Amino acid sequence: MIRCRCNGLSWIPPLWISPLLVGCCLAVWLAMPASAQSPTPKAKTKPLGVLEVKRLDAKTEEVRQSFLRETTLLIRSYEEGGQFDRARVLLEGLQKLDPQNEPIQNKLGELTEQLLDANEFEIDIDPGKPWQPIGMVTKDRPLRIKVAGEYKLATTLSTGPDGVSSDNPAEDLIANVPLGAVMAVIALPVVAAAPADGNKSKDKQPKPFSVGSHYEKKSDRDGMLYLKVNVPPGSKCTGRLTARISGAIQPQ
């Protein structure tokens, strides 16, 4: 097994040749004219000698080492320049080659924290207000929401044996979210009063999810992040909550 180490990153390729390198070579080959891709019918394959095979193997190893070295330098340059997202994308490429590599996993966690900390912002949440647009999020990018504070809830809502309706996510209680909890939904940018009704694409309908005091996951879709407290319609809420959000881009 070959182990490569460069600038603190230890990389053990799963095969003797990098799959990424194979993909790059294949892309170059496909871009060549057809006449250059395959020999003429009269051409015959000439077997390589042992020394020639060894020479090509050594060249392959040299290219792979150069790839690792240059990629690691790019990651470090992006990180030093505050471009944590670009650095993370490159590092994820290395991780795909060796998913069990612990140094790469640790570095990915470190970059994710730097990325979240770099774009964190704070907003106030009025518990009695409807859905509040927060910012745009991107699928598969980390999203972190931390909520602090407290409020008092008073309601005169009356209901029957069937309980409170949950048919309309814009106004009703949400069945899968605890009563009084902060919740979120990711949808296409629409009127804040009804974000869950605005996604008219063929994608599945967005569903509100519980945030509580802390939420941290990768976004499952592109769209606008909305926050709201899960209280009955017409409730009177006194108090205020503060949310610190990372991974969303605030509207201008």
C-alpha atoms as a PDB file:
ATOM      1  CA  MET A   1       0.000   0.000   0.000  1.00  0.00           C
ATOM      2  CA  ILE A   2       1.319   3.440  -0.917  1.00  0.00           C
ATOM      3  CA  ARG A   3       0.931   6.240   1.625  1.00  0.00           C
ATOM      4  CA  CYS A   4       1.394   9.852   0.567  1.00  0.00           C
ATOM      5  CA  ARG A   5       1.953  12.669   3.016  1.00  0.00           C
ATOM      6  CA  CYS A   6       1.966  16.353   2.107  1.00  0.00           C
ATOM      7  CA  ASN A   7       1.593  19.334   4.445  1.00  0.00           C
ATOM      8  CA  GLY A   8       0.147  17.217   7.232  1.00  0.00           C
ATOM      9  CA  LEU A   9      -2.414  15.337   5.102  1.00  0.00           C
ATOM     10  CA  SER A  10      -1.867  11.597   4.895  1.00  0.00           C
ATOM     11  CA  TRP A  11      -3.536  10.024   1.860  1.00  0.00           C
ATOM     12  CA  ILE A  12      -3.817   6.300   1.148  1.00  0.00           C
ATOM     13  CA  PRO A  13      -5.253   5.756  -2.344  1.00  0.00           C
ATOM     14  CA  PRO A  14      -7.631   2.798  -2.481  1.00  0.00           C
ATOM     15  CA  LEU A  15      -6.014   1.558  -5.690  1.00  0.00           C
ATOM     16  CA  TRP A  16      -2.472   1.688  -7.028  1.00  0.00           C
ATOM     17  CA  ILE A  17      -3.585   4.459  -9.366  1.00  0.00           C
ATOM     18  CA  SER A  18      -5.863   7.352  -8.470  1.00  0.00           C
ATOM     19  CA  PRO A  19      -9.419   6.968  -9.858  1.00  0.00           C
ATOM     20  CA  LEU A  20      -9.511  10.721 -10.262  1.00  0.00           C
ATOM     21  CA  LEU A  21      -6.388  10.557 -12.409  1.00  0.00           C
ATOM     22  CA  VAL A  22      -8.005   7.843 -14.517  1.00  0.00           C
ATOM     23  CA  GLY A  23     -11.060  10.072 -14.968  1.00  0.00           C
ATOM     24  CA  CYS A  24      -8.889  12.990 -16.086  1.00  0.00           C
ATOM     25  CA  CYS A  25      -7.024  10.820 -18.581  1.00  0.00           C
ATOM     26  CA  LEU A  26     -10.292   9.410 -19.918  1.00  0.00           C
ATOM     27  CA  ALA A  27     -11.700  12.918 -20.402  1.00  0.00           C
ATOM     28  CA  VAL A  28      -8.603  13.920 -22.397  1.00  0.00           C
ATOM     29  CA  TRP A  29      -8.843  10.754 -24.489  1.00  0.00           C
ATOM     30  CA  LEU A  30     -12.530  11.352 -25.277  1.00  0.00           C
ATOM     31  CA  ALA A  31     -11.741  14.904 -26.367  1.00  0.00           C
ATOM     32  CA  MET A  32      -9.250  13.655 -28.968  1.00  0.00           C
ATOM     33  CA  PRO A  33     -10.299  13.204 -32.587  1.00  0.00           C
ATOM     34  CA  ALA A  34     -11.585   9.753 -33.476  1.00  0.00           C
ATOM     35  CA  SER A  35      -8.574   9.159 -35.686  1.00  0.00           C
ATOM     36  CA  ALA A  36      -6.280   9.710 -32.725  1.00  0.00           C
ATOM     37  CA  GLN A  37      -8.308   7.569 -30.310  1.00  0.00           C
ATOM     38  CA  SER A  38      -8.007   4.289 -32.166  1.00  0.00           C
ATOM     39  CA  PRO A  39      -5.406   2.944 -34.587  1.00  0.00           C
ATOM     40  CA  THR A  40      -6.123   2.235 -38.216  1.00  0.00           C
ATOM     41  CA  PRO A  41      -7.358  -1.276 -39.000  1.00  0.00           C
ATOM     42  CA  LYS A  42      -3.928  -2.240 -40.301  1.00  0.00           C
ATOM     43  CA  ALA A  43      -2.090  -1.134 -37.144  1.00  0.00           C
ATOM     44  CA  LYS A  44      -1.009  -3.838 -34.708  1.00  0.00           C
ATOM     45  CA  THR A  45      -0.550  -3.544 -30.938  1.00  0.00           C
ATOM     46  CA  LYS A  46       3.060  -3.767 -29.887  1.00  0.00           C
ATOM     47  CA  PRO A  47       3.506  -5.323 -26.430  1.00  0.00           C
ATOM     48  CA  LEU A  48       5.560  -3.256 -24.005  1.00  0.00           C
ATOM     49  CA  GLY A  49       8.697  -4.607 -22.518  1.00  0.00           C
ATOM     50  CA  VAL A  50       9.229  -4.981 -18.769  1.00  0.00           C
ATOM     51  CA  LEU A  51      11.467  -1.933 -18.580  1.00  0.00           C
ATOM     52  CA  GLU A  52       8.962   0.202 -20.485  1.00  0.00           C
ATOM     53  CA  VAL A  53       6.123  -0.853 -18.176  1.00  0.00           C
ATOM     54  CA  LYS A  54       8.237   0.052 -15.141  1.00  0.00           C
ATOM     55  CA  ARG A  55       9.055   3.417 -16.693  1.00  0.00           C
ATOM     56  CA  LEU A  56       5.344   4.162 -17.247  1.00  0.00           C
ATOM     57  CA  ASP A  57       4.497   3.020 -13.710  1.00  0.00           C
ATOM     58  CA  ALA A  58       7.116   5.381 -12.315  1.00  0.00           C
ATOM     59  CA  LYS A  59       5.707   8.214 -14.411  1.00  0.00           C
ATOM     60  CA  THR A  60       2.201   7.423 -13.145  1.00  0.00           C
ATOM     61  CA  GLU A  61       3.397   7.599  -9.533  1.00  0.00           C
ATOM     62  CA  GLU A  62       5.148  10.893 -10.253  1.00  0.00           C
ATOM     63  CA  VAL A  63       1.942  12.370 -11.711  1.00  0.00           C
ATOM     64  CA  ARG A  64      -0.105  11.130  -8.732  1.00  0.00           C
ATOM     65  CA  GLN A  65       2.332  12.596  -6.221  1.00  0.00           C
ATOM     66  CA  SER A  66       2.257  15.890  -8.096  1.00  0.00           C
ATOM     67  CA  PHE A  67      -1.560  15.846  -8.076  1.00  0.00           C
ATOM     68  CA  LEU A  68      -1.668  15.343  -4.311  1.00  0.00           C
ATOM     69  CA  ARG A  69       0.969  18.003  -3.708  1.00  0.00           C
ATOM     70  CA  GLU A  70      -0.714  20.616  -5.908  1.00  0.00           C
ATOM     71  CA  THR A  71      -4.188  19.868  -4.514  1.00  0.00           C
ATOM     72  CA  THR A  72      -2.948  20.210  -0.929  1.00  0.00           C
ATOM     73  CA  LEU A  73      -1.308  23.548  -1.774  1.00  0.00           C
ATOM     74  CA  LEU A  74      -4.570  24.761  -3.329  1.00  0.00           C
ATOM     75  CA  ILE A  75      -6.524  23.734  -0.233  1.00  0.00           C
ATOM     76  CA  ARG A  76      -4.120  25.608   2.020  1.00  0.00           C
ATOM     77  CA  SER A  77      -4.170  28.709  -0.218  1.00  0.00           C
ATOM     78  CA  TYR A  78      -7.973  28.798  -0.259  1.00  0.00           C
ATOM     79  CA  GLU A  79      -8.067  28.340   3.509  1.00  0.00           C
ATOM     80  CA  GLU A  80      -5.563  31.133   4.142  1.00  0.00           C
ATOM     81  CA  GLY A  81      -7.586  33.394   1.835  1.00  0.00           C
ATOM     82  CA  GLY A  82     -10.823  32.743   3.711  1.00  0.00           C
ATOM     83  CA  GLN A  83     -12.320  30.700   0.859  1.00  0.00           C
ATOM     84  CA  PHE A  84     -13.293  27.825   3.130  1.00  0.00           C
ATOM     85  CA  ASP A  85     -16.044  26.518   0.860  1.00  0.00           C
ATOM     86  CA  ARG A  86     -13.669  26.073  -2.091  1.00  0.00           C
ATOM     87  CA  ALA A  87     -11.102  24.426   0.168  1.00  0.00           C
ATOM     88  CA  ARG A  88     -13.774  22.062   1.487  1.00  0.00           C
ATOM     89  CA  VAL A  89     -14.844  21.041  -2.046  1.00  0.00           C
ATOM     90  CA  LEU A  90     -11.266  20.077  -2.951  1.00  0.00           C
ATOM     91  CA  LEU A  91     -10.824  18.187   0.308  1.00  0.00           C
ATOM     92  CA  GLU A  92     -14.074  16.300  -0.272  1.00  0.00           C
ATOM     93  CA  GLY A  93     -12.586  15.155  -3.594  1.00  0.00           C
ATOM     94  CA  LEU A  94      -9.634  13.640  -1.741  1.00  0.00           C
ATOM     95  CA  GLN A  95     -11.969  12.061   0.804  1.00  0.00           C
ATOM     96  CA  LYS A  96     -13.856  10.229  -1.956  1.00  0.00           C
ATOM     97  CA  LEU A  97     -10.597   8.523  -2.881  1.00  0.00           C
ATOM     98  CA  ASP A  98     -10.060   7.373   0.710  1.00  0.00           C
ATOM     99  CA  PRO A  99     -13.239   7.691   2.851  1.00  0.00           C
ATOM    100  CA  GLN A 100     -11.594   6.171   5.952  1.00  0.00           C
ATOM    101  CA  ASN A 101      -8.660   8.589   6.061  1.00  0.00           C
ATOM    102  CA  GLU A 102      -8.856  10.148   9.540  1.00  0.00           C
ATOM    103  CA  PRO A 103      -6.631  13.224   8.920  1.00  0.00           C
ATOM    104  CA  ILE A 104      -8.788  14.182   5.937  1.00  0.00           C
ATOM    105  CA  GLN A 105     -11.971  13.694   7.987  1.00  0.00           C
ATOM    106  CA  ASN A 106     -10.594  15.874  10.784  1.00  0.00           C
ATOM    107  CA  LYS A 107      -9.563  18.591   8.351  1.00  0.00           C
ATOM    108  CA  LEU A 108     -13.013  18.531   6.734  1.00  0.00           C
ATOM    109  CA  GLY A 109     -14.616  19.043  10.146  1.00  0.00           C
ATOM    110  CA  GLU A 110     -12.270  21.942  10.854  1.00  0.00           C
ATOM    111  CA  LEU A 111     -13.046  23.597   7.506  1.00  0.00           C
ATOM    112  CA  THR A 112     -16.790  23.157   8.034  1.00  0.00           C
ATOM    113  CA  GLU A 113     -16.556  24.945  11.394  1.00  0.00           C
ATOM    114  CA  GLN A 114     -14.531  27.757   9.840  1.00  0.00           C
ATOM    115  CA  LEU A 115     -17.070  28.067   7.033  1.00  0.00           C
ATOM    116  CA  LEU A 116     -20.014  28.258   9.458  1.00  0.00           C
ATOM    117  CA  ASP A 117     -18.290  30.728  11.781  1.00  0.00           C
ATOM    118  CA  ALA A 118     -17.265  32.980   8.899  1.00  0.00           C
ATOM    119  CA  ASN A 119     -20.805  33.762   7.719  1.00  0.00           C
ATOM    120  CA  GLU A 120     -22.770  33.646  10.990  1.00  0.00           C
ATOM    121  CA  PHE A 121     -25.386  36.350  11.569  1.00  0.00           C
ATOM    122  CA  GLU A 122     -27.996  37.037  14.246  1.00  0.00           C
ATOM    123  CA  ILE A 123     -31.711  37.818  13.976  1.00  0.00           C
ATOM    124  CA  ASP A 124     -34.638  38.266  16.377  1.00  0.00           C
ATOM    125  CA  ILE A 125     -37.662  35.983  16.130  1.00  0.00           C
ATOM    126  CA  ASP A 126     -41.061  37.265  17.243  1.00  0.00           C
ATOM    127  CA  PRO A 127     -42.873  34.097  18.430  1.00  0.00           C
ATOM    128  CA  GLY A 128     -46.284  35.457  17.459  1.00  0.00           C
ATOM    129  CA  LYS A 129     -45.360  36.396  13.885  1.00  0.00           C
ATOM    130  CA  PRO A 130     -45.818  34.288  10.703  1.00  0.00           C
ATOM    131  CA  TRP A 131     -43.029  32.697   8.695  1.00  0.00           C
ATOM    132  CA  GLN A 132     -39.992  34.978   8.549  1.00  0.00           C
ATOM    133  CA  PRO A 133     -37.625  34.801   5.536  1.00  0.00           C
ATOM    134  CA  ILE A 134     -34.043  34.408   6.725  1.00  0.00           C
ATOM    135  CA  GLY A 135     -31.771  33.808   3.735  1.00  0.00           C
ATOM    136  CA  MET A 136     -30.954  31.612   0.770  1.00  0.00           C
ATOM    137  CA  VAL A 137     -29.452  28.182   1.369  1.00  0.00           C
ATOM    138  CA  THR A 138     -27.777  25.765  -1.026  1.00  0.00           C
ATOM    139  CA  LYS A 139     -28.296  22.031  -1.242  1.00  0.00           C
ATOM    140  CA  ASP A 140     -25.623  19.928   0.508  1.00  0.00           C
ATOM    141  CA  ARG A 141     -24.049  22.952   2.207  1.00  0.00           C
ATOM    142  CA  PRO A 142     -23.919  22.941   6.023  1.00  0.00           C
ATOM    143  CA  LEU A 143     -26.691  24.849   7.804  1.00  0.00           C
ATOM    144  CA  ARG A 144     -26.544  25.666  11.522  1.00  0.00           C
ATOM    145  CA  ILE A 145     -29.207  27.409  13.610  1.00  0.00           C
ATOM    146  CA  LYS A 146     -28.843  28.202  17.316  1.00  0.00           C
ATOM    147  CA  VAL A 147     -31.785  29.736  19.188  1.00  0.00           C
ATOM    148  CA  ALA A 148     -31.809  31.296  22.681  1.00  0.00           C
ATOM    149  CA  GLY A 149     -34.365  33.208  24.764  1.00  0.00           C
ATOM    150  CA  GLU A 150     -37.845  32.546  26.136  1.00  0.00           C
ATOM    151  CA  TYR A 151     -41.407  33.737  25.710  1.00  0.00           C
ATOM    152  CA  LYS A 152     -44.864  33.324  27.241  1.00  0.00           C
ATOM    153  CA  LEU A 153     -47.726  31.857  25.263  1.00  0.00           C
ATOM    154  CA  ALA A 154     -51.428  32.614  25.783  1.00  0.00           C
ATOM    155  CA  THR A 155     -54.163  31.335  23.496  1.00  0.00           C
ATOM    156  CA  THR A 156     -57.971  31.308  23.379  1.00  0.00           C
ATOM    157  CA  LEU A 157     -58.078  28.660  20.678  1.00  0.00           C
ATOM    158  CA  SER A 158     -61.013  26.268  20.976  1.00  0.00           C
ATOM    159  CA  THR A 159     -61.131  22.918  19.227  1.00  0.00           C
ATOM    160  CA  GLY A 160     -63.191  19.755  18.940  1.00  0.00           C
ATOM    161  CA  PRO A 161     -62.454  16.054  19.267  1.00  0.00           C
ATOM    162  CA  ASP A 162     -60.403  16.033  16.074  1.00  0.00           C
ATOM    163  CA  GLY A 163     -57.877  18.444  17.551  1.00  0.00           C
ATOM    164  CA  VAL A 164     -56.153  21.355  15.848  1.00  0.00           C
ATOM    165  CA  SER A 165     -55.893  21.343  12.059  1.00  0.00           C
ATOM    166  CA  SER A 166     -52.481  20.935  10.428  1.00  0.00           C
ATOM    167  CA  ASP A 167     -53.588  21.187   6.807  1.00  0.00           C
ATOM    168  CA  ASN A 168     -52.155  24.638   6.134  1.00  0.00           C
ATOM    169  CA  PRO A 169     -48.433  24.947   7.059  1.00  0.00           C
ATOM    170  CA  ALA A 170     -48.646  28.720   6.671  1.00  0.00           C
ATOM    171  CA  GLU A 171     -51.146  29.160   9.524  1.00  0.00           C
ATOM    172  CA  ASP A 172     -51.897  25.911  11.362  1.00  0.00           C
ATOM    173  CA  LEU A 173     -49.894  23.991  13.921  1.00  0.00           C
ATOM    174  CA  ILE A 174     -47.364  21.569  12.428  1.00  0.00           C
ATOM    175  CA  ALA A 175     -48.027  18.019  13.559  1.00  0.00           C
ATOM    176  CA  ASN A 176     -44.442  16.736  13.559  1.00  0.00           C
ATOM    177  CA  VAL A 177     -42.990  19.712  15.492  1.00  0.00           C
ATOM    178  CA  PRO A 178     -43.355  20.177  19.289  1.00  0.00           C
ATOM    179  CA  LEU A 179     -45.818  22.842  20.412  1.00  0.00           C
ATOM    180  CA  GLY A 180     -44.014  26.138  20.950  1.00  0.00           C
ATOM    181  CA  ALA A 181     -40.781  25.022  19.266  1.00  0.00           C
ATOM    182  CA  VAL A 182     -38.898  27.017  16.658  1.00  0.00           C
ATOM    183  CA  MET A 183     -39.265  25.377  13.252  1.00  0.00           C
ATOM    184  CA  ALA A 184     -37.994  25.982   9.743  1.00  0.00           C
ATOM    185  CA  VAL A 185     -38.850  25.269   6.131  1.00  0.00           C
ATOM    186  CA  ILE A 186     -36.815  25.631   2.939  1.00  0.00           C
ATOM    187  CA  ALA A 187     -38.844  26.692  -0.080  1.00  0.00           C
ATOM    188  CA  LEU A 188     -38.657  28.861  -3.157  1.00  0.00           C
ATOM    189  CA  PRO A 189     -38.723  32.592  -2.295  1.00  0.00           C
ATOM    190  CA  VAL A 190     -42.395  33.536  -1.974  1.00  0.00           C
ATOM    191  CA  VAL A 191     -44.629  35.635   0.249  1.00  0.00           C
ATOM    192  CA  ALA A 192     -43.521  35.053   3.825  1.00  0.00           C
ATOM    193  CA  ALA A 193     -47.084  34.288   4.932  1.00  0.00           C
ATOM    194  CA  ALA A 194     -47.186  31.067   2.932  1.00  0.00           C
ATOM    195  CA  PRO A 195     -43.711  29.710   2.145  1.00  0.00           C
ATOM    196  CA  ALA A 196     -44.718  26.079   2.061  1.00  0.00           C
ATOM    197  CA  ASP A 197     -47.153  26.731  -0.823  1.00  0.00           C
ATOM    198  CA  GLY A 198     -44.641  28.430  -3.076  1.00  0.00           C
ATOM    199  CA  ASN A 199     -42.702  25.505  -4.483  1.00  0.00           C
ATOM    200  CA  LYS A 200     -44.526  24.749  -7.744  1.00  0.00           C
ATOM    201  CA  SER A 201     -41.703  22.750  -9.296  1.00  0.00           C
ATOM    202  CA  LYS A 202     -41.723  19.005  -9.811  1.00  0.00           C
ATOM    203  CA  ASP A 203     -39.646  18.666  -6.646  1.00  0.00           C
ATOM    204  CA  LYS A 204     -41.405  17.211  -3.638  1.00  0.00           C
ATOM    205  CA  GLN A 205     -43.293  19.667  -1.434  1.00  0.00           C
ATOM    206  CA  PRO A 206     -41.058  21.140   1.280  1.00  0.00           C
ATOM    207  CA  LYS A 207     -41.973  20.137   4.825  1.00  0.00           C
ATOM    208  CA  PRO A 208     -41.387  22.191   7.995  1.00  0.00           C
ATOM    209  CA  PHE A 209     -38.907  20.639  10.426  1.00  0.00           C
ATOM    210  CA  SER A 210     -38.112  21.219  14.073  1.00  0.00           C
ATOM    211  CA  VAL A 211     -35.150  23.458  14.950  1.00  0.00           C
ATOM    212  CA  GLY A 212     -35.482  23.849  18.709  1.00  0.00           C
ATOM    213  CA  SER A 213     -32.462  25.362  20.431  1.00  0.00           C
ATOM    214  CA  HIS A 214     -29.939  23.848  18.030  1.00  0.00           C
ATOM    215  CA  TYR A 215     -30.026  22.455  14.506  1.00  0.00           C
ATOM    216  CA  GLU A 216     -27.078  21.492  12.300  1.00  0.00           C
ATOM    217  CA  LYS A 217     -27.339  19.507   9.068  1.00  0.00           C
ATOM    218  CA  LYS A 218     -26.681  19.860   5.372  1.00  0.00           C
ATOM    219  CA  SER A 219     -29.490  21.533   3.478  1.00  0.00           C
ATOM    220  CA  ASP A 220     -31.545  19.033   1.476  1.00  0.00           C
ATOM    221  CA  ARG A 221     -32.495  21.584  -1.204  1.00  0.00           C
ATOM    222  CA  ASP A 222     -31.856  25.029  -2.671  1.00  0.00           C
ATOM    223  CA  GLY A 223     -34.233  27.763  -1.552  1.00  0.00           C
ATOM    224  CA  MET A 224     -35.182  30.371   1.011  1.00  0.00           C
ATOM    225  CA  LEU A 225     -34.940  29.444   4.684  1.00  0.00           C
ATOM    226  CA  TYR A 226     -37.948  30.517   6.760  1.00  0.00           C
ATOM    227  CA  LEU A 227     -38.315  30.408  10.555  1.00  0.00           C
ATOM    228  CA  LYS A 228     -41.441  30.410  12.699  1.00  0.00           C
ATOM    229  CA  VAL A 229     -42.581  29.297  16.156  1.00  0.00           C
ATOM    230  CA  ASN A 230     -45.107  26.455  16.208  1.00  0.00           C
ATOM    231  CA  VAL A 231     -47.975  28.096  18.128  1.00  0.00           C
ATOM    232  CA  PRO A 232     -51.760  27.921  17.574  1.00  0.00           C
ATOM    233  CA  PRO A 233     -53.309  30.543  15.274  1.00  0.00           C
ATOM    234  CA  GLY A 234     -54.290  33.737  17.091  1.00  0.00           C
ATOM    235  CA  SER A 235     -51.960  33.105  20.036  1.00  0.00           C
ATOM    236  CA  LYS A 236     -50.578  36.002  22.038  1.00  0.00           C
ATOM    237  CA  CYS A 237     -46.832  35.677  22.627  1.00  0.00           C
ATOM    238  CA  THR A 238     -44.747  37.967  24.823  1.00  0.00           C
ATOM    239  CA  GLY A 239     -40.988  37.713  24.756  1.00  0.00           C
ATOM    240  CA  ARG A 240     -38.376  37.332  22.068  1.00  0.00           C
ATOM    241  CA  LEU A 241     -36.041  34.686  20.726  1.00  0.00           C
ATOM    242  CA  THR A 242     -32.636  35.260  19.161  1.00  0.00           C
ATOM    243  CA  ALA A 243     -31.314  33.022  16.408  1.00  0.00           C
ATOM    244  CA  ARG A 244     -27.712  32.763  15.247  1.00  0.00           C
ATOM    245  CA  ILE A 245     -27.607  31.351  11.718  1.00  0.00           C
ATOM    246  CA  SER A 246     -24.748  30.029   9.600  1.00  0.00           C
ATOM    247  CA  GLY A 247     -24.936  28.689   6.072  1.00  0.00           C
ATOM    248  CA  ALA A 248     -27.578  31.091   4.745  1.00  0.00           C
ATOM    249  CA  ILE A 249     -27.082  34.229   2.648  1.00  0.00           C
ATOM    250  CA  GLN A 250     -29.184  37.147   3.916  1.00  0.00           C
ATOM    251  CA  PRO A 251     -31.371  39.018   1.410  1.00  0.00           C
ATOM    252  CA  GLN A 252     -29.974  42.372   0.337  1.00  0.00           C
END
